[in-house]
PDB file of N, CA and C in Angstrom:
ATOM      1  N   MET A   1      42.243  59.229 -24.965  1.00  0.00           N
ATOM      2  CA  MET A   1      40.886  58.632 -23.780  1.00  0.00           C
ATOM      3  C   MET A   1      40.985  58.973 -22.679  1.00  0.00           C
ATOM      4  N   THR A   2      41.071  60.746 -22.485  1.00  0.00           N
ATOM      5  CA  THR A   2      41.305  61.124 -21.474  1.00  0.00           C
ATOM      6  C   THR A   2      39.703  60.831 -20.650  1.00  0.00           C
ATOM      7  N   ASN A   3      38.540  60.598 -21.587  1.00  0.00           N
ATOM      8  CA  ASN A   3      37.585  60.112 -21.033  1.00  0.00           C
ATOM      9  C   ASN A   3      37.257  59.305 -19.870  1.00  0.00           C
ATOM     10  N   LEU A   4      37.969  58.004 -20.727  1.00  0.00           N
ATOM     11  CA  LEU A   4      38.359  56.663 -19.541  1.00  0.00           C
ATOM     12  C   LEU A   4      38.901  56.978 -18.230  1.00  0.00           C
ATOM     13  N   ARG A   5      39.861  57.787 -18.419  1.00  0.00           N
ATOM     14  CA  ARG A   5      40.899  58.281 -17.297  1.00  0.00           C
ATOM     15  C   ARG A   5      40.163  59.149 -16.343  1.00  0.00           C
ATOM     16  N   SER A   6      39.331  59.937 -16.579  1.00  0.00           N
ATOM     17  CA  SER A   6      38.364  60.973 -16.105  1.00  0.00           C
ATOM     18  C   SER A   6      37.157  59.847 -15.035  1.00  0.00           C
ATOM     19  N   GLY A   7      36.617  59.271 -16.162  1.00  0.00           N
ATOM     20  CA  GLY A   7      35.749  58.129 -15.272  1.00  0.00           C
ATOM     21  C   GLY A   7      36.220  57.094 -14.303  1.00  0.00           C
ATOM     22  N   LEU A   8      37.306  56.757 -14.704  1.00  0.00           N
ATOM     23  CA  LEU A   8      38.308  55.673 -13.699  1.00  0.00           C
ATOM     24  C   LEU A   8      38.422  56.960 -12.230  1.00  0.00           C
ATOM     25  N   LYS A   9      38.828  58.020 -12.397  1.00  0.00           N
ATOM     26  CA  LYS A   9      38.708  59.003 -11.265  1.00  0.00           C
ATOM     27  C   LYS A   9      37.571  59.044 -10.741  1.00  0.00           C
ATOM     28  N   ILE A  10      36.510  59.810 -11.427  1.00  0.00           N
ATOM     29  CA  ILE A  10      35.137  59.762 -10.972  1.00  0.00           C
ATOM     30  C   ILE A  10      34.622  58.545  -9.969  1.00  0.00           C
ATOM     31  N   THR A  11      34.815  57.427 -10.517  1.00  0.00           N
ATOM     32  CA  THR A  11      34.566  56.037  -9.928  1.00  0.00           C
ATOM     33  C   THR A  11      35.590  55.730  -8.681  1.00  0.00           C
ATOM     34  N   LEU A  12      36.462  55.999  -8.730  1.00  0.00           N
ATOM     35  CA  LEU A  12      37.337  56.074  -7.666  1.00  0.00           C
ATOM     36  C   LEU A  12      36.859  56.484  -6.609  1.00  0.00           C
ATOM     37  N   VAL A  13      36.588  58.067  -6.936  1.00  0.00           N
ATOM     38  CA  VAL A  13      36.094  58.868  -5.777  1.00  0.00           C
ATOM     39  C   VAL A  13      34.909  58.257  -5.532  1.00  0.00           C
ATOM     40  N   LEU A  14      33.662  58.006  -6.116  1.00  0.00           N
ATOM     41  CA  LEU A  14      32.769  57.575  -5.502  1.00  0.00           C
ATOM     42  C   LEU A  14      32.551  56.140  -4.890  1.00  0.00           C
ATOM     43  N   HIS A  15      33.467  55.406  -5.099  1.00  0.00           N
ATOM     44  CA  HIS A  15      33.783  54.286  -4.720  1.00  0.00           C
ATOM     45  C   HIS A  15      33.885  54.270  -3.253  1.00  0.00           C
ATOM     46  N   ALA A  16      35.242  55.389  -3.019  1.00  0.00           N
ATOM     47  CA  ALA A  16      36.119  55.706  -1.370  1.00  0.00           C
ATOM     48  C   ALA A  16      34.674  56.798  -0.915  1.00  0.00           C
ATOM     49  N   LEU A  17      33.748  57.197  -1.535  1.00  0.00           N
ATOM     50  CA  LEU A  17      32.877  58.009  -0.732  1.00  0.00           C
ATOM     51  C   LEU A  17      31.927  56.957  -0.302  1.00  0.00           C
ATOM     52  N   SER A  18      31.260  56.249  -1.211  1.00  0.00           N
ATOM     53  CA  SER A  18      30.392  54.967  -0.818  1.00  0.00           C
ATOM     54  C   SER A  18      31.111  54.083   0.524  1.00  0.00           C
ATOM     55  N   VAL A  19      32.019  53.815   0.229  1.00  0.00           N
ATOM     56  CA  VAL A  19      32.984  52.962   1.388  1.00  0.00           C
ATOM     57  C   VAL A  19      32.624  53.749   2.997  1.00  0.00           C
ATOM     58  N   PHE A  20      32.962  55.175   2.857  1.00  0.00           N
ATOM     59  CA  PHE A  20      33.185  55.818   3.708  1.00  0.00           C
ATOM     60  C   PHE A  20      31.449  56.145   4.289  1.00  0.00           C
ATOM     61  N   ALA A  21      30.609  56.134   3.243  1.00  0.00           N
ATOM     62  CA  ALA A  21      29.257  56.385   4.203  1.00  0.00           C
ATOM     63  C   ALA A  21      28.838  54.799   4.488  1.00  0.00           C
ATOM     64  N   GLN A  22      29.514  53.719   4.266  1.00  0.00           N
ATOM     65  CA  GLN A  22      29.148  52.427   4.828  1.00  0.00           C
ATOM     66  C   GLN A  22      29.659  52.540   6.427  1.00  0.00           C
ATOM     67  N   ALA A  23      31.105  53.073   6.707  1.00  0.00           N
ATOM     68  CA  ALA A  23      31.316  53.068   7.905  1.00  0.00           C
ATOM     69  C   ALA A  23      30.283  54.173   8.726  1.00  0.00           C
ATOM     70  N   VAL A  24      29.878  55.192   8.274  1.00  0.00           N
ATOM     71  CA  VAL A  24      28.890  56.187   8.747  1.00  0.00           C
ATOM     72  C   VAL A  24      27.858  55.260   9.388  1.00  0.00           C
ATOM     73  N   LEU A  25      27.189  54.589   8.449  1.00  0.00           N
ATOM     74  CA  LEU A  25      26.289  53.993   8.507  1.00  0.00           C
ATOM     75  C   LEU A  25      26.479  52.853   9.625  1.00  0.00           C
ATOM     76  N   ALA A  26      27.168  52.378   9.444  1.00  0.00           N
ATOM     77  CA  ALA A  26      27.582  51.040  10.688  1.00  0.00           C
ATOM     78  C   ALA A  26      27.720  51.755  12.101  1.00  0.00           C
ATOM     79  N   GLY A  27      28.472  52.916  12.071  1.00  0.00           N
ATOM     80  CA  GLY A  27      28.806  53.721  13.591  1.00  0.00           C
ATOM     81  C   GLY A  27      27.669  54.021  13.715  1.00  0.00           C
ATOM     82  N   GLN A  28      26.560  54.346  12.879  1.00  0.00           N
ATOM     83  CA  GLN A  28      25.007  54.839  13.655  1.00  0.00           C
ATOM     84  C   GLN A  28      24.519  53.536  14.413  1.00  0.00           C
ATOM     85  N   PHE A  29      24.218  52.310  13.426  1.00  0.00           N
ATOM     86  CA  PHE A  29      23.714  51.365  13.919  1.00  0.00           C
ATOM     87  C   PHE A  29      24.885  50.657  15.301  1.00  0.00           C
ATOM     88  N   LEU A  30      25.817  50.724  15.235  1.00  0.00           N
ATOM     89  CA  LEU A  30      26.519  50.023  16.377  1.00  0.00           C
ATOM     90  C   LEU A  30      26.461  51.410  17.699  1.00  0.00           C
ATOM     91  N   SER A  31      26.031  52.661  17.020  1.00  0.00           N
ATOM     92  CA  SER A  31      25.620  53.227  18.831  1.00  0.00           C
ATOM     93  C   SER A  31      24.390  53.323  18.977  1.00  0.00           C
ATOM     94  N   GLY A  32      23.474  52.182  18.153  1.00  0.00           N
ATOM     95  CA  GLY A  32      22.092  51.936  19.030  1.00  0.00           C
ATOM     96  C   GLY A  32      20.860  52.399  18.101  1.00  0.00           C
ATOM     97  N   VAL A  33      21.448  52.883  17.111  1.00  0.00           N
ATOM     98  CA  VAL A  33      20.133  53.642  15.774  1.00  0.00           C
ATOM     99  C   VAL A  33      19.919  52.540  14.789  1.00  0.00           C
ATOM    100  N   ASP A  34      19.032  51.990  14.726  1.00  0.00           N
ATOM    101  CA  ASP A  34      18.692  50.279  14.409  1.00  0.00           C
ATOM    102  C   ASP A  34      18.371  51.038  12.857  1.00  0.00           C
ATOM    103  N   ALA A  35      17.598  52.067  12.252  1.00  0.00           N
ATOM    104  CA  ALA A  35      17.050  52.227  10.965  1.00  0.00           C
ATOM    105  C   ALA A  35      18.521  52.469  10.094  1.00  0.00           C
ATOM    106  N   PRO A  36      19.709  52.669  10.142  1.00  0.00           N
ATOM    107  CA  PRO A  36      20.711  52.615   9.292  1.00  0.00           C
ATOM    108  C   PRO A  36      21.120  51.551   8.542  1.00  0.00           C
ATOM    109  N   VAL A  37      20.531  50.499   9.137  1.00  0.00           N
ATOM    110  CA  VAL A  37      21.289  48.932   8.914  1.00  0.00           C
ATOM    111  C   VAL A  37      20.764  48.677   7.428  1.00  0.00           C
ATOM    112  N   ARG A  38      19.319  49.127   7.320  1.00  0.00           N
ATOM    113  CA  ARG A  38      18.568  48.566   6.060  1.00  0.00           C
ATOM    114  C   ARG A  38      19.813  49.302   4.654  1.00  0.00           C
ATOM    115  N   LEU A  39      19.777  50.417   5.191  1.00  0.00           N
ATOM    116  CA  LEU A  39      20.642  51.347   4.112  1.00  0.00           C
ATOM    117  C   LEU A  39      21.909  50.949   3.992  1.00  0.00           C
ATOM    118  N   HIS A  40      22.471  50.492   5.463  1.00  0.00           N
ATOM    119  CA  HIS A  40      23.922  50.163   5.046  1.00  0.00           C
ATOM    120  C   HIS A  40      23.646  48.484   4.150  1.00  0.00           C
ATOM    121  N   GLU A  41      22.943  47.894   4.176  1.00  0.00           N
ATOM    122  CA  GLU A  41      22.935  46.369   3.578  1.00  0.00           C
ATOM    123  C   GLU A  41      22.550  46.848   2.062  1.00  0.00           C
ATOM    124  N   LEU A  42      21.745  47.829   1.692  1.00  0.00           N
ATOM    125  CA  LEU A  42      21.490  48.505   0.207  1.00  0.00           C
ATOM    126  C   LEU A  42      23.038  48.838  -0.505  1.00  0.00           C
ATOM    127  N   MET A  43      23.597  49.812   0.376  1.00  0.00           N
ATOM    128  CA  MET A  43      24.705  50.161   0.085  1.00  0.00           C
ATOM    129  C   MET A  43      26.073  49.455  -0.495  1.00  0.00           C
ATOM    130  N   ALA A  44      25.765  48.293   0.444  1.00  0.00           N
ATOM    131  CA  ALA A  44      26.992  47.013   0.420  1.00  0.00           C
ATOM    132  C   ALA A  44      26.861  46.608  -1.434  1.00  0.00           C
ATOM    133  N   TRP A  45      25.471  46.628  -1.851  1.00  0.00           N
ATOM    134  CA  TRP A  45      25.387  45.973  -3.254  1.00  0.00           C
ATOM    135  C   TRP A  45      25.648  47.091  -4.097  1.00  0.00           C
ATOM    136  N   VAL A  46      25.219  48.484  -3.722  1.00  0.00           N
ATOM    137  CA  VAL A  46      25.720  49.590  -4.555  1.00  0.00           C
ATOM    138  C   VAL A  46      27.097  49.397  -4.783  1.00  0.00           C
ATOM    139  N   VAL A  47      28.001  49.638  -3.768  1.00  0.00           N
ATOM    140  CA  VAL A  47      29.764  49.363  -3.464  1.00  0.00           C
ATOM    141  C   VAL A  47      30.348  48.223  -4.377  1.00  0.00           C
ATOM    142  N   LEU A  48      29.478  47.096  -4.331  1.00  0.00           N
ATOM    143  CA  LEU A  48      30.040  46.292  -5.447  1.00  0.00           C
ATOM    144  C   LEU A  48      29.810  46.579  -6.724  1.00  0.00           C
ATOM    145  N   GLY A  49      28.818  47.145  -6.908  1.00  0.00           N
ATOM    146  CA  GLY A  49      28.366  47.521  -8.552  1.00  0.00           C
ATOM    147  C   GLY A  49      29.448  48.581  -8.758  1.00  0.00           C
ATOM    148  N   ILE A  50      29.879  49.605  -7.910  1.00  0.00           N
ATOM    149  CA  ILE A  50      30.936  50.435  -8.517  1.00  0.00           C
ATOM    150  C   ILE A  50      32.350  49.775  -8.514  1.00  0.00           C
ATOM    151  N   SER A  51      32.357  48.879  -7.546  1.00  0.00           N
ATOM    152  CA  SER A  51      33.832  48.001  -7.727  1.00  0.00           C
ATOM    153  C   SER A  51      33.846  47.626  -9.309  1.00  0.00           C
ATOM    154  N   LEU A  52      32.945  46.677  -9.817  1.00  0.00           N
ATOM    155  CA  LEU A  52      32.912  46.456 -10.923  1.00  0.00           C
ATOM    156  C   LEU A  52      33.333  47.348 -11.982  1.00  0.00           C
ATOM    157  N   VAL A  53      32.187  48.555 -12.336  1.00  0.00           N
ATOM    158  CA  VAL A  53      32.876  49.511 -12.801  1.00  0.00           C
ATOM    159  C   VAL A  53      34.132  49.935 -12.817  1.00  0.00           C
ATOM    160  N   GLN A  54      34.566  50.022 -11.697  1.00  0.00           N
ATOM    161  CA  GLN A  54      36.244  50.251 -11.582  1.00  0.00           C
ATOM    162  C   GLN A  54      37.121  49.293 -12.187  1.00  0.00           C
ATOM    163  N   LEU A  55      36.686  48.312 -11.864  1.00  0.00           N
ATOM    164  CA  LEU A  55      37.469  47.152 -12.306  1.00  0.00           C
ATOM    165  C   LEU A  55      37.509  47.242 -13.831  1.00  0.00           C
ATOM    166  N   ALA A  56      36.493  47.402 -14.593  1.00  0.00           N
ATOM    167  CA  ALA A  56      36.291  47.499 -15.978  1.00  0.00           C
ATOM    168  C   ALA A  56      37.225  48.535 -16.726  1.00  0.00           C
ATOM    169  N   LEU A  57      37.250  49.998 -16.172  1.00  0.00           N
ATOM    170  CA  LEU A  57      37.776  51.188 -16.364  1.00  0.00           C
ATOM    171  C   LEU A  57      38.968  50.683 -16.045  1.00  0.00           C
ATOM    172  N   SER A  58      39.739  50.374 -15.143  1.00  0.00           N
ATOM    173  CA  SER A  58      41.324  50.419 -15.004  1.00  0.00           C
ATOM    174  C   SER A  58      41.921  49.287 -15.821  1.00  0.00           C
ATOM    175  N   GLY A  59      41.128  48.231 -16.080  1.00  0.00           N
ATOM    176  CA  GLY A  59      41.536  47.162 -16.896  1.00  0.00           C
ATOM    177  C   GLY A  59      41.696  47.662 -18.248  1.00  0.00           C
ATOM    178  N   ILE A  60      40.809  48.056 -18.826  1.00  0.00           N
ATOM    179  CA  ILE A  60      40.903  48.991 -20.271  1.00  0.00           C
ATOM    180  C   ILE A  60      41.738  49.736 -20.722  1.00  0.00           C
ATOM    181  N   LEU A  61      42.315  50.802 -19.104  1.00  0.00           N
ATOM    182  CA  LEU A  61      43.285  51.733 -19.023  1.00  0.00           C
ATOM    183  C   LEU A  61      44.871  50.905 -18.937  1.00  0.00           C
ATOM    184  N   ALA A  62      44.539  49.870 -18.705  1.00  0.00           N
ATOM    185  CA  ALA A  62      45.892  49.059 -18.504  1.00  0.00           C
ATOM    186  C   ALA A  62      46.543  48.212 -19.352  1.00  0.00           C
ATOM    187  N   LYS A  63      45.296  48.222 -20.123  1.00  0.00           N
ATOM    188  CA  LYS A  63      45.257  47.343 -21.500  1.00  0.00           C
ATOM    189  C   LYS A  63      46.097  48.196 -22.650  1.00  0.00           C
ATOM    190  N   GLN A  64      45.784  49.586 -22.459  1.00  0.00           N
ATOM    191  CA  GLN A  64      45.973  50.467 -23.152  1.00  0.00           C
ATOM    192  C   GLN A  64      47.555  51.010 -22.837  1.00  0.00           C
ATOM    193  N   SER A  65      48.067  50.634 -21.686  1.00  0.00           N
ATOM    194  CA  SER A  65      48.938  50.864 -21.230  1.00  0.00           C
ATOM    195  C   SER A  65      48.698  52.544 -20.639  1.00  0.00           C
ATOM    196  N   ARG A  66      47.793  52.999 -20.153  1.00  0.00           N
ATOM    197  CA  ARG A  66      47.386  54.482 -19.318  1.00  0.00           C
ATOM    198  C   ARG A  66      46.972  54.539 -18.262  1.00  0.00           C
ATOM    199  N   CYS A  67      47.033  53.009 -17.417  1.00  0.00           N
ATOM    200  CA  CYS A  67      47.384  53.451 -16.001  1.00  0.00           C
ATOM    201  C   CYS A  67      48.477  51.937 -15.384  1.00  0.00           C
ATOM    202  N   PRO A  68      48.938  51.754 -14.202  1.00  0.00           N
ATOM    203  CA  PRO A  68      50.048  50.625 -14.017  1.00  0.00           C
ATOM    204  C   PRO A  68      48.845  49.183 -13.872  1.00  0.00           C
ATOM    205  N   LEU A  69      49.658  48.214 -14.454  1.00  0.00           N
ATOM    206  CA  LEU A  69      48.730  47.209 -14.000  1.00  0.00           C
ATOM    207  C   LEU A  69      48.165  46.823 -12.558  1.00  0.00           C
ATOM    208  N   TRP A  70      49.179  47.274 -11.696  1.00  0.00           N
ATOM    209  CA  TRP A  70      49.026  46.833 -10.386  1.00  0.00           C
ATOM    210  C   TRP A  70      47.195  47.574  -9.812  1.00  0.00           C
ATOM    211  N   ILE A  71      46.807  48.430 -10.604  1.00  0.00           N
ATOM    212  CA  ILE A  71      45.347  48.800 -10.305  1.00  0.00           C
ATOM    213  C   ILE A  71      44.532  48.371 -10.719  1.00  0.00           C
ATOM    214  N   PRO A  72      44.140  47.601 -11.710  1.00  0.00           N
ATOM    215  CA  PRO A  72      43.549  46.796 -11.880  1.00  0.00           C
ATOM    216  C   PRO A  72      43.401  45.344 -10.807  1.00  0.00           C
ATOM    217  N   ILE A  73      44.748  44.923 -10.678  1.00  0.00           N
ATOM    218  CA  ILE A  73      44.902  43.780  -9.830  1.00  0.00           C
ATOM    219  C   ILE A  73      44.454  44.054  -8.280  1.00  0.00           C
ATOM    220  N   ALA A  74      44.636  45.416  -8.133  1.00  0.00           N
ATOM    221  CA  ALA A  74      44.170  46.126  -6.709  1.00  0.00           C
ATOM    222  C   ALA A  74      42.744  45.882  -6.706  1.00  0.00           C
ATOM    223  N   GLY A  75      42.127  46.608  -7.789  1.00  0.00           N
ATOM    224  CA  GLY A  75      40.888  46.610  -7.888  1.00  0.00           C
ATOM    225  C   GLY A  75      40.380  45.085  -7.769  1.00  0.00           C
ATOM    226  N   VAL A  76      40.836  44.098  -8.128  1.00  0.00           N
ATOM    227  CA  VAL A  76      40.279  42.202  -8.349  1.00  0.00           C
ATOM    228  C   VAL A  76      40.204  42.293  -6.447  1.00  0.00           C
ATOM    229  N   VAL A  77      41.498  42.548  -5.694  1.00  0.00           N
ATOM    230  CA  VAL A  77      41.387  42.503  -4.455  1.00  0.00           C
ATOM    231  C   VAL A  77      40.565  43.207  -4.049  1.00  0.00           C
ATOM    232  N   VAL A  78      40.331  44.382  -3.887  1.00  0.00           N
ATOM    233  CA  VAL A  78      39.342  45.217  -3.610  1.00  0.00           C
ATOM    234  C   VAL A  78      37.697  44.461  -3.726  1.00  0.00           C
ATOM    235  N   PHE A  79      37.708  43.946  -5.038  1.00  0.00           N
ATOM    236  CA  PHE A  79      36.115  43.410  -5.197  1.00  0.00           C
ATOM    237  C   PHE A  79      36.043  42.164  -4.425  1.00  0.00           C
ATOM    238  N   PHE A  80      36.893  41.571  -4.429  1.00  0.00           N
ATOM    239  CA  PHE A  80      36.633  39.867  -3.648  1.00  0.00           C
ATOM    240  C   PHE A  80      36.795  40.357  -2.020  1.00  0.00           C
ATOM    241  N   ALA A  81      37.821  41.265  -1.483  1.00  0.00           N
ATOM    242  CA  ALA A  81      37.282  41.572  -0.335  1.00  0.00           C
ATOM    243  C   ALA A  81      35.953  42.198   0.205  1.00  0.00           C
ATOM    244  N   GLU A  82      35.483  43.236  -0.499  1.00  0.00           N
ATOM    245  CA  GLU A  82      34.037  43.594  -0.691  1.00  0.00           C
ATOM    246  C   GLU A  82      33.178  42.245  -0.683  1.00  0.00           C
ATOM    247  N   LEU A  83      32.931  41.457  -1.331  1.00  0.00           N
ATOM    248  CA  LEU A  83      32.201  40.580  -1.637  1.00  0.00           C
ATOM    249  C   LEU A  83      32.405  39.413   0.015  1.00  0.00           C
ATOM    250  N   PHE A  84      33.743  39.624   0.183  1.00  0.00           N
ATOM    251  CA  PHE A  84      33.668  38.725   1.547  1.00  0.00           C
ATOM    252  C   PHE A  84      33.444  39.698   2.611  1.00  0.00           C
ATOM    253  N   GLN A  85      33.479  40.924   2.232  1.00  0.00           N
ATOM    254  CA  GLN A  85      33.025  41.841   3.373  1.00  0.00           C
ATOM    255  C   GLN A  85      31.548  42.045   3.681  1.00  0.00           C
ATOM    256  N   THR A  86      30.670  41.658   2.170  1.00  0.00           N
ATOM    257  CA  THR A  86      29.143  41.418   2.316  1.00  0.00           C
ATOM    258  C   THR A  86      28.876  39.922   3.097  1.00  0.00           C
ATOM    259  N   VAL A  87      29.546  38.876   2.802  1.00  0.00           N
ATOM    260  CA  VAL A  87      29.337  37.874   3.470  1.00  0.00           C
ATOM    261  C   VAL A  87      29.053  37.662   5.200  1.00  0.00           C
ATOM    262  N   THR A  88      30.548  38.595   5.308  1.00  0.00           N
ATOM    263  CA  THR A  88      30.389  38.782   6.797  1.00  0.00           C
ATOM    264  C   THR A  88      29.765  39.899   7.348  1.00  0.00           C
ATOM    265  N   GLY A  89      29.239  40.372   6.628  1.00  0.00           N
ATOM    266  CA  GLY A  89      28.206  41.257   7.180  1.00  0.00           C
ATOM    267  C   GLY A  89      26.645  40.690   7.752  1.00  0.00           C
ATOM    268  N   TYR A  90      26.653  39.724   6.665  1.00  0.00           N
ATOM    269  CA  TYR A  90      25.291  39.218   6.729  1.00  0.00           C
ATOM    270  C   TYR A  90      25.361  38.119   7.817  1.00  0.00           C
ATOM    271  N   GLY A  91      26.459  37.505   8.036  1.00  0.00           N
ATOM    272  CA  GLY A  91      27.118  36.483   8.989  1.00  0.00           C
ATOM    273  C   GLY A  91      26.832  37.315  10.346  1.00  0.00           C
ATOM    274  N   ARG A  92      26.902  38.262  10.461  1.00  0.00           N
ATOM    275  CA  ARG A  92      27.446  39.302  11.607  1.00  0.00           C
ATOM    276  C   ARG A  92      28.652  38.880  12.609  1.00  0.00           C
ATOM    277  N   PHE A  93      29.875  38.935  11.433  1.00  0.00           N
ATOM    278  CA  PHE A  93      30.989  38.448  12.155  1.00  0.00           C
ATOM    279  C   PHE A  93      32.104  39.983  12.154  1.00  0.00           C
ATOM    280  N   LEU A  94      31.495  40.703  13.386  1.00  0.00           N
ATOM    281  CA  LEU A  94      32.060  41.876  13.013  1.00  0.00           C
ATOM    282  C   LEU A  94      33.276  42.274  13.377  1.00  0.00           C
ATOM    283  N   ASN A  95      33.935  41.068  14.233  1.00  0.00           N
ATOM    284  CA  ASN A  95      35.264  40.713  14.368  1.00  0.00           C
ATOM    285  C   ASN A  95      36.205  40.717  12.872  1.00  0.00           C
ATOM    286  N   VAL A  96      35.655  40.336  12.236  1.00  0.00           N
ATOM    287  CA  VAL A  96      36.163  40.287  10.766  1.00  0.00           C
ATOM    288  C   VAL A  96      35.591  41.536   9.767  1.00  0.00           C
ATOM    289  N   HIS A  97      34.405  41.973   9.887  1.00  0.00           N
ATOM    290  CA  HIS A  97      33.871  43.041   9.082  1.00  0.00           C
ATOM    291  C   HIS A  97      34.153  44.100   9.306  1.00  0.00           C
ATOM    292  N   VAL A  98      34.336  44.795  10.555  1.00  0.00           N
ATOM    293  CA  VAL A  98      34.428  45.915  10.883  1.00  0.00           C
ATOM    294  C   VAL A  98      36.456  46.022  10.320  1.00  0.00           C
ATOM    295  N   PRO A  99      37.396  45.265  10.537  1.00  0.00           N
ATOM    296  CA  PRO A  99      38.849  45.492  10.278  1.00  0.00           C
ATOM    297  C   PRO A  99      39.021  45.285   8.942  1.00  0.00           C
ATOM    298  N   LEU A 100      38.432  44.692   8.063  1.00  0.00           N
ATOM    299  CA  LEU A 100      38.014  44.644   6.867  1.00  0.00           C
ATOM    300  C   LEU A 100      37.503  45.406   5.895  1.00  0.00           C
ATOM    301  N   GLY A 101      36.583  46.280   6.703  1.00  0.00           N
ATOM    302  CA  GLY A 101      36.004  47.639   6.153  1.00  0.00           C
ATOM    303  C   GLY A 101      37.250  49.073   6.084  1.00  0.00           C
ATOM    304  N   VAL A 102      38.083  49.016   7.195  1.00  0.00           N
ATOM    305  CA  VAL A 102      39.389  49.533   7.341  1.00  0.00           C
ATOM    306  C   VAL A 102      40.130  49.674   6.457  1.00  0.00           C
ATOM    307  N   LEU A 103      40.374  48.090   6.185  1.00  0.00           N
ATOM    308  CA  LEU A 103      41.311  47.569   5.037  1.00  0.00           C
ATOM    309  C   LEU A 103      40.859  48.106   3.430  1.00  0.00           C
ATOM    310  N   ILE A 104      39.793  47.951   3.419  1.00  0.00           N
ATOM    311  CA  ILE A 104      39.026  48.096   2.017  1.00  0.00           C
ATOM    312  C   ILE A 104      39.403  49.834   1.607  1.00  0.00           C
ATOM    313  N   PHE A 105      38.804  50.631   2.717  1.00  0.00           N
ATOM    314  CA  PHE A 105      38.903  51.814   2.628  1.00  0.00           C
ATOM    315  C   PHE A 105      40.737  52.340   2.248  1.00  0.00           C
ATOM    316  N   GLY A 106      41.394  51.965   2.958  1.00  0.00           N
ATOM    317  CA  GLY A 106      43.003  52.354   2.893  1.00  0.00           C
ATOM    318  C   GLY A 106      43.593  51.653   1.503  1.00  0.00           C
ATOM    319  N   LEU A 107      42.723  50.480   0.604  1.00  0.00           N
ATOM    320  CA  LEU A 107      43.429  50.305  -0.394  1.00  0.00           C
ATOM    321  C   LEU A 107      42.498  51.372  -1.250  1.00  0.00           C
ATOM    322  N   LEU A 108      41.570  51.640  -1.052  1.00  0.00           N
ATOM    323  CA  LEU A 108      40.945  52.485  -2.338  1.00  0.00           C
ATOM    324  C   LEU A 108      41.564  53.888  -1.957  1.00  0.00           C
ATOM    325  N   LEU A 109      42.050  54.385  -1.017  1.00  0.00           N
ATOM    326  CA  LEU A 109      42.703  55.677  -1.012  1.00  0.00           C
ATOM    327  C   LEU A 109      44.162  55.359  -1.457  1.00  0.00           C
ATOM    328  N   VAL A 110      44.893  54.297  -1.401  1.00  0.00           N
ATOM    329  CA  VAL A 110      46.028  54.155  -2.109  1.00  0.00           C
ATOM    330  C   VAL A 110      45.989  54.321  -3.858  1.00  0.00           C
ATOM    331  N   GLN A 111      44.769  53.678  -4.142  1.00  0.00           N
ATOM    332  CA  GLN A 111      44.617  53.667  -5.504  1.00  0.00           C
ATOM    333  C   GLN A 111      44.243  55.031  -5.971  1.00  0.00           C
ATOM    334  N   LEU A 112      43.465  55.913  -5.027  1.00  0.00           N
ATOM    335  CA  LEU A 112      42.992  57.254  -5.589  1.00  0.00           C
ATOM    336  C   LEU A 112      44.395  58.286  -6.032  1.00  0.00           C
ATOM    337  N   ALA A 113      45.484  57.816  -4.710  1.00  0.00           N
ATOM    338  CA  ALA A 113      46.386  58.823  -4.587  1.00  0.00           C
ATOM    339  C   ALA A 113      47.315  57.960  -6.039  1.00  0.00           C
ATOM    340  N   ALA A 114      47.235  56.954  -6.268  1.00  0.00           N
ATOM    341  CA  ALA A 114      48.106  56.659  -7.631  1.00  0.00           C
ATOM    342  C   ALA A 114      47.465  57.463  -8.717  1.00  0.00           C
ATOM    343  N   VAL A 115      46.147  57.170  -8.892  1.00  0.00           N
ATOM    344  CA  VAL A 115      45.500  57.736  -9.952  1.00  0.00           C
ATOM    345  C   VAL A 115      45.476  59.298 -10.344  1.00  0.00           C
ATOM    346  N   PHE A 116      45.422  59.839  -9.206  1.00  0.00           N
ATOM    347  CA  PHE A 116      45.139  61.416  -9.211  1.00  0.00           C
ATOM    348  C   PHE A 116      46.416  61.950  -9.253  1.00  0.00           C
ATOM    349  N   GLY A 117      47.830  61.015  -8.834  1.00  0.00           N
ATOM    350  CA  GLY A 117      48.955  61.491  -8.840  1.00  0.00           C
ATOM    351  C   GLY A 117      49.866  61.229 -10.006  1.00  0.00           C
ATOM    352  N   ALA A 118      49.406  60.107 -10.622  1.00  0.00           N
ATOM    353  CA  ALA A 118      49.651  59.992 -11.897  1.00  0.00           C
ATOM    354  C   ALA A 118      49.957  61.262 -13.206  1.00  0.00           C
ATOM    355  N   GLY A 119      48.959  62.381 -12.878  1.00  0.00           N
ATOM    356  CA  GLY A 119      49.132  63.323 -13.362  1.00  0.00           C
ATOM    357  C   GLY A 119      49.086  63.123 -15.391  1.00  0.00           C
ATOM    358  N   GLU A 120      48.279  63.873 -15.868  1.00  0.00           N
ATOM    359  CA  GLU A 120      48.604  63.580 -17.704  1.00  0.00           C
ATOM    360  C   GLU A 120      47.824  64.978 -17.914  1.00  0.00           C
TER     361      GLU A 120
END
């Protein structure tokens, strides 16, 4: 089942890159360029979709004892944090939205380090 593990690695990389792209788009918007806000909104839904794929893959791997149980649990936390992130974005609660984005990115980096460091 190395394909599932590779799939999880690829999904985690895409997830982290998508969240990073969100920060870049938000930075452009906050600096006064209005155009990126629509792409930022669209990417929020893409990020949630990637999060669900990551959750499914890590859940299957954990069930097969091929990754630690904390990884899908962290995936659930990240998914709900991203859902809340989307809500706070639509509500323009930047005092929550911005720090939550940083927290989400940090959690993804921890998962990436664990999955890539777990060698196989």
